[in-house]
Amino acid sequence: MKAVRQIITESEELHKQLWSKAVELANNSAYSGITGLFIKSLNEVFVLHGKRVNAGLRNRIPVSIFLTLYFVACLSMGMMGYQAGLTGKRTTVASFVLIITFSIVLSLITDLDRPRQEFFSVSQQSMVDLKTKLNRTP
């Protein structure tokens, strides 16, 4: 996490340098149209950076949700064990399926919340298609 924060700090430092160059161009340039387009594109870069930082670091599933999921998993497995003790029959297949099911669900939720783990990947093709379409628009 420390490396990510360092990269964000370096990125924001580059943003400051780019912005200072934009201000310098705006004050000294005879090409105000081109400078305006440059400043507009810089603003879009800054907005996208903020959105990515928010999505990647701040929009996370709360710890209480994970604790609740683990509690439900433990309670369910405990109740299966209790039921097996009462009836005197232990169904290994049902226990195995329950454990695997809870493990898969918890792994899926964790991986989707933390995209850097990449156990399950979500296709970004729709974003690529949108970018291509926007680039073709006059």
C-alpha atoms as a PDB file:
ATOM      1  CA  MET A   1       0.000   0.000   0.000  1.00  0.00           C
ATOM      2  CA  LYS A   2       2.954   2.284   0.672  1.00  0.00           C
ATOM      3  CA  ALA A   3       4.162   1.842  -2.912  1.00  0.00           C
ATOM      4  CA  VAL A   4       0.729   2.780  -4.261  1.00  0.00           C
ATOM      5  CA  ARG A   5       0.636   5.960  -2.190  1.00  0.00           C
ATOM      6  CA  GLN A   6       4.138   6.843  -3.406  1.00  0.00           C
ATOM      7  CA  ILE A   7       3.069   6.353  -7.025  1.00  0.00           C
ATOM      8  CA  ILE A   8       0.011   8.546  -6.454  1.00  0.00           C
ATOM      9  CA  THR A   9       2.208  11.249  -4.914  1.00  0.00           C
ATOM     10  CA  GLU A  10       4.597  11.088  -7.883  1.00  0.00           C
ATOM     11  CA  SER A  11       1.662  11.266 -10.278  1.00  0.00           C
ATOM     12  CA  GLU A  12       0.263  14.324  -8.529  1.00  0.00           C
ATOM     13  CA  GLU A  13       3.697  15.937  -8.662  1.00  0.00           C
ATOM     14  CA  LEU A  14       3.739  15.374 -12.421  1.00  0.00           C
ATOM     15  CA  HIS A  15       0.271  16.959 -12.573  1.00  0.00           C
ATOM     16  CA  LYS A  16       1.619  20.047 -10.812  1.00  0.00           C
ATOM     17  CA  GLN A  17       4.511  20.276 -13.260  1.00  0.00           C
ATOM     18  CA  LEU A  18       2.176  19.921 -16.238  1.00  0.00           C
ATOM     19  CA  TRP A  19      -0.143  22.560 -14.818  1.00  0.00           C
ATOM     20  CA  SER A  20       2.714  25.004 -14.277  1.00  0.00           C
ATOM     21  CA  LYS A  21       3.730  24.492 -17.924  1.00  0.00           C
ATOM     22  CA  ALA A  22       0.131  25.120 -18.992  1.00  0.00           C
ATOM     23  CA  VAL A  23       0.017  28.365 -16.999  1.00  0.00           C
ATOM     24  CA  GLU A  24       3.318  29.414 -18.536  1.00  0.00           C
ATOM     25  CA  LEU A  25       1.984  28.675 -22.022  1.00  0.00           C
ATOM     26  CA  ALA A  26      -1.247  30.544 -21.322  1.00  0.00           C
ATOM     27  CA  ASN A  27       0.676  33.638 -20.214  1.00  0.00           C
ATOM     28  CA  ASN A  28       3.251  33.634 -23.033  1.00  0.00           C
ATOM     29  CA  SER A  29       1.533  32.017 -25.973  1.00  0.00           C
ATOM     30  CA  ALA A  30       0.076  33.499 -29.100  1.00  0.00           C
ATOM     31  CA  TYR A  31      -1.631  30.163 -29.749  1.00  0.00           C
ATOM     32  CA  SER A  32      -4.490  30.523 -27.305  1.00  0.00           C
ATOM     33  CA  GLY A  33      -6.674  27.956 -29.117  1.00  0.00           C
ATOM     34  CA  ILE A  34      -4.064  25.235 -28.884  1.00  0.00           C
ATOM     35  CA  THR A  35      -3.221  26.205 -25.320  1.00  0.00           C
ATOM     36  CA  GLY A  36      -6.917  26.045 -24.434  1.00  0.00           C
ATOM     37  CA  LEU A  37      -7.154  22.533 -25.853  1.00  0.00           C
ATOM     38  CA  PHE A  38      -4.054  21.547 -23.888  1.00  0.00           C
ATOM     39  CA  ILE A  39      -5.541  22.902 -20.659  1.00  0.00           C
ATOM     40  CA  LYS A  40      -8.832  21.128 -21.357  1.00  0.00           C
ATOM     41  CA  SER A  41      -7.026  17.823 -21.866  1.00  0.00           C
ATOM     42  CA  LEU A  42      -5.052  18.365 -18.661  1.00  0.00           C
ATOM     43  CA  ASN A  43      -8.294  18.920 -16.755  1.00  0.00           C
ATOM     44  CA  GLU A  44      -9.634  15.642 -18.128  1.00  0.00           C
ATOM     45  CA  VAL A  45      -6.460  13.846 -17.026  1.00  0.00           C
ATOM     46  CA  PHE A  46      -6.809  15.281 -13.513  1.00  0.00           C
ATOM     47  CA  VAL A  47     -10.475  14.272 -13.282  1.00  0.00           C
ATOM     48  CA  LEU A  48      -9.739  10.739 -14.501  1.00  0.00           C
ATOM     49  CA  HIS A  49      -6.880  10.433 -12.027  1.00  0.00           C
ATOM     50  CA  GLY A  50      -9.200  11.418  -9.181  1.00  0.00           C
ATOM     51  CA  LYS A  51     -11.831   8.918 -10.293  1.00  0.00           C
ATOM     52  CA  ARG A  52      -9.287   6.118 -10.511  1.00  0.00           C
ATOM     53  CA  VAL A  53      -7.852   6.871  -7.093  1.00  0.00           C
ATOM     54  CA  ASN A  54     -11.352   6.924  -5.590  1.00  0.00           C
ATOM     55  CA  ALA A  55     -12.378   3.711  -7.318  1.00  0.00           C
ATOM     56  CA  GLY A  56      -9.156   1.886  -6.544  1.00  0.00           C
ATOM     57  CA  LEU A  57      -8.496   2.909  -2.970  1.00  0.00           C
ATOM     58  CA  ARG A  58     -11.580   4.356  -1.356  1.00  0.00           C
ATOM     59  CA  ASN A  59     -14.543   2.445  -2.783  1.00  0.00           C
ATOM     60  CA  ARG A  60     -14.071  -0.814  -0.925  1.00  0.00           C
ATOM     61  CA  ILE A  61     -16.406  -3.282   0.691  1.00  0.00           C
ATOM     62  CA  PRO A  62     -16.497  -2.476   4.422  1.00  0.00           C
ATOM     63  CA  VAL A  63     -14.769  -4.831   6.845  1.00  0.00           C
ATOM     64  CA  SER A  64     -18.106  -5.392   8.601  1.00  0.00           C
ATOM     65  CA  ILE A  65     -19.450  -7.082   5.444  1.00  0.00           C
ATOM     66  CA  PHE A  66     -16.506  -9.469   5.366  1.00  0.00           C
ATOM     67  CA  LEU A  67     -16.874 -10.212   9.073  1.00  0.00           C
ATOM     68  CA  THR A  68     -20.573 -10.926   8.556  1.00  0.00           C
ATOM     69  CA  LEU A  69     -19.809 -13.279   5.666  1.00  0.00           C
ATOM     70  CA  TYR A  70     -17.237 -15.181   7.726  1.00  0.00           C
ATOM     71  CA  PHE A  71     -19.663 -15.329  10.658  1.00  0.00           C
ATOM     72  CA  VAL A  72     -22.429 -16.749   8.438  1.00  0.00           C
ATOM     73  CA  ALA A  73     -20.013 -19.300   6.968  1.00  0.00           C
ATOM     74  CA  CYS A  74     -18.834 -20.433  10.415  1.00  0.00           C
ATOM     75  CA  LEU A  75     -22.374 -20.517  11.795  1.00  0.00           C
ATOM     76  CA  SER A  76     -23.615 -22.575   8.838  1.00  0.00           C
ATOM     77  CA  MET A  77     -20.802 -25.067   9.158  1.00  0.00           C
ATOM     78  CA  GLY A  78     -21.295 -25.235  12.908  1.00  0.00           C
ATOM     79  CA  MET A  79     -25.005 -25.921  12.476  1.00  0.00           C
ATOM     80  CA  MET A  80     -24.220 -28.704   9.994  1.00  0.00           C
ATOM     81  CA  GLY A  81     -21.896 -30.233  12.568  1.00  0.00           C
ATOM     82  CA  TYR A  82     -24.535 -29.870  15.299  1.00  0.00           C
ATOM     83  CA  GLN A  83     -27.161 -31.485  13.064  1.00  0.00           C
ATOM     84  CA  ALA A  84     -24.761 -34.329  12.270  1.00  0.00           C
ATOM     85  CA  GLY A  85     -24.178 -34.825  16.003  1.00  0.00           C
ATOM     86  CA  LEU A  86     -27.911 -34.972  16.737  1.00  0.00           C
ATOM     87  CA  THR A  87     -28.732 -37.452  13.990  1.00  0.00           C
ATOM     88  CA  GLY A  88     -25.571 -39.502  14.291  1.00  0.00           C
ATOM     89  CA  LYS A  89     -25.019 -39.254  10.531  1.00  0.00           C
ATOM     90  CA  ARG A  90     -22.289 -37.256   8.943  1.00  0.00           C
ATOM     91  CA  THR A  91     -22.587 -36.436   5.276  1.00  0.00           C
ATOM     92  CA  THR A  92     -19.104 -35.746   4.020  1.00  0.00           C
ATOM     93  CA  VAL A  93     -20.249 -34.747   0.551  1.00  0.00           C
ATOM     94  CA  ALA A  94     -22.643 -32.087   1.877  1.00  0.00           C
ATOM     95  CA  SER A  95     -19.982 -30.720   4.235  1.00  0.00           C
ATOM     96  CA  PHE A  96     -17.421 -30.586   1.450  1.00  0.00           C
ATOM     97  CA  VAL A  97     -19.839 -28.839  -0.924  1.00  0.00           C
ATOM     98  CA  LEU A  98     -20.772 -26.274   1.748  1.00  0.00           C
ATOM     99  CA  ILE A  99     -17.135 -25.500   2.528  1.00  0.00           C
ATOM    100  CA  ILE A 100     -16.218 -25.175  -1.152  1.00  0.00           C
ATOM    101  CA  THR A 101     -19.272 -22.995  -1.865  1.00  0.00           C
ATOM    102  CA  PHE A 102     -18.521 -20.562   0.959  1.00  0.00           C
ATOM    103  CA  SER A 103     -14.848 -20.464  -0.032  1.00  0.00           C
ATOM    104  CA  ILE A 104     -15.671 -19.652  -3.652  1.00  0.00           C
ATOM    105  CA  VAL A 105     -18.171 -16.932  -2.700  1.00  0.00           C
ATOM    106  CA  LEU A 106     -15.739 -15.277  -0.273  1.00  0.00           C
ATOM    107  CA  SER A 107     -12.895 -15.506  -2.803  1.00  0.00           C
ATOM    108  CA  LEU A 108     -15.065 -13.984  -5.535  1.00  0.00           C
ATOM    109  CA  ILE A 109     -16.176 -11.070  -3.368  1.00  0.00           C
ATOM    110  CA  THR A 110     -12.625 -10.397  -2.185  1.00  0.00           C
ATOM    111  CA  ASP A 111     -11.177 -10.567  -5.688  1.00  0.00           C
ATOM    112  CA  LEU A 112     -13.812  -8.296  -7.200  1.00  0.00           C
ATOM    113  CA  ASP A 113     -13.223  -5.788  -4.400  1.00  0.00           C
ATOM    114  CA  ARG A 114      -9.467  -5.857  -4.876  1.00  0.00           C
ATOM    115  CA  PRO A 115      -8.815  -5.930  -8.624  1.00  0.00           C
ATOM    116  CA  ARG A 116      -5.050  -6.330  -8.307  1.00  0.00           C
ATOM    117  CA  GLN A 117      -5.463  -9.942  -7.135  1.00  0.00           C
ATOM    118  CA  GLU A 118      -6.722 -10.965 -10.595  1.00  0.00           C
ATOM    119  CA  PHE A 119      -8.045 -14.406  -9.632  1.00  0.00           C
ATOM    120  CA  PHE A 120     -11.233 -13.534 -11.482  1.00  0.00           C
ATOM    121  CA  SER A 121     -10.945 -10.965 -14.219  1.00  0.00           C
ATOM    122  CA  VAL A 122     -13.655  -8.688 -15.540  1.00  0.00           C
ATOM    123  CA  SER A 123     -13.496  -7.881 -19.235  1.00  0.00           C
ATOM    124  CA  GLN A 124     -12.767  -4.265 -20.089  1.00  0.00           C
ATOM    125  CA  GLN A 125     -13.814  -4.723 -23.721  1.00  0.00           C
ATOM    126  CA  SER A 126     -16.847  -2.435 -23.346  1.00  0.00           C
ATOM    127  CA  MET A 127     -14.538   0.399 -22.264  1.00  0.00           C
ATOM    128  CA  VAL A 128     -12.222  -0.272 -25.213  1.00  0.00           C
ATOM    129  CA  ASP A 129     -15.196  -0.242 -27.591  1.00  0.00           C
ATOM    130  CA  LEU A 130     -16.444   3.044 -26.102  1.00  0.00           C
ATOM    131  CA  LYS A 131     -13.004   4.636 -26.472  1.00  0.00           C
ATOM    132  CA  THR A 132     -12.814   3.512 -30.111  1.00  0.00           C
ATOM    133  CA  LYS A 133     -16.290   4.891 -30.796  1.00  0.00           C
ATOM    134  CA  LEU A 134     -15.473   8.234 -29.170  1.00  0.00           C
ATOM    135  CA  ASN A 135     -12.264   8.540 -31.161  1.00  0.00           C
ATOM    136  CA  ARG A 136     -14.204   8.016 -34.411  1.00  0.00           C
ATOM    137  CA  THR A 137     -16.828  10.651 -33.556  1.00  0.00           C
ATOM    138  CA  PRO A 138     -16.154  13.917 -35.445  1.00  0.00           C
END
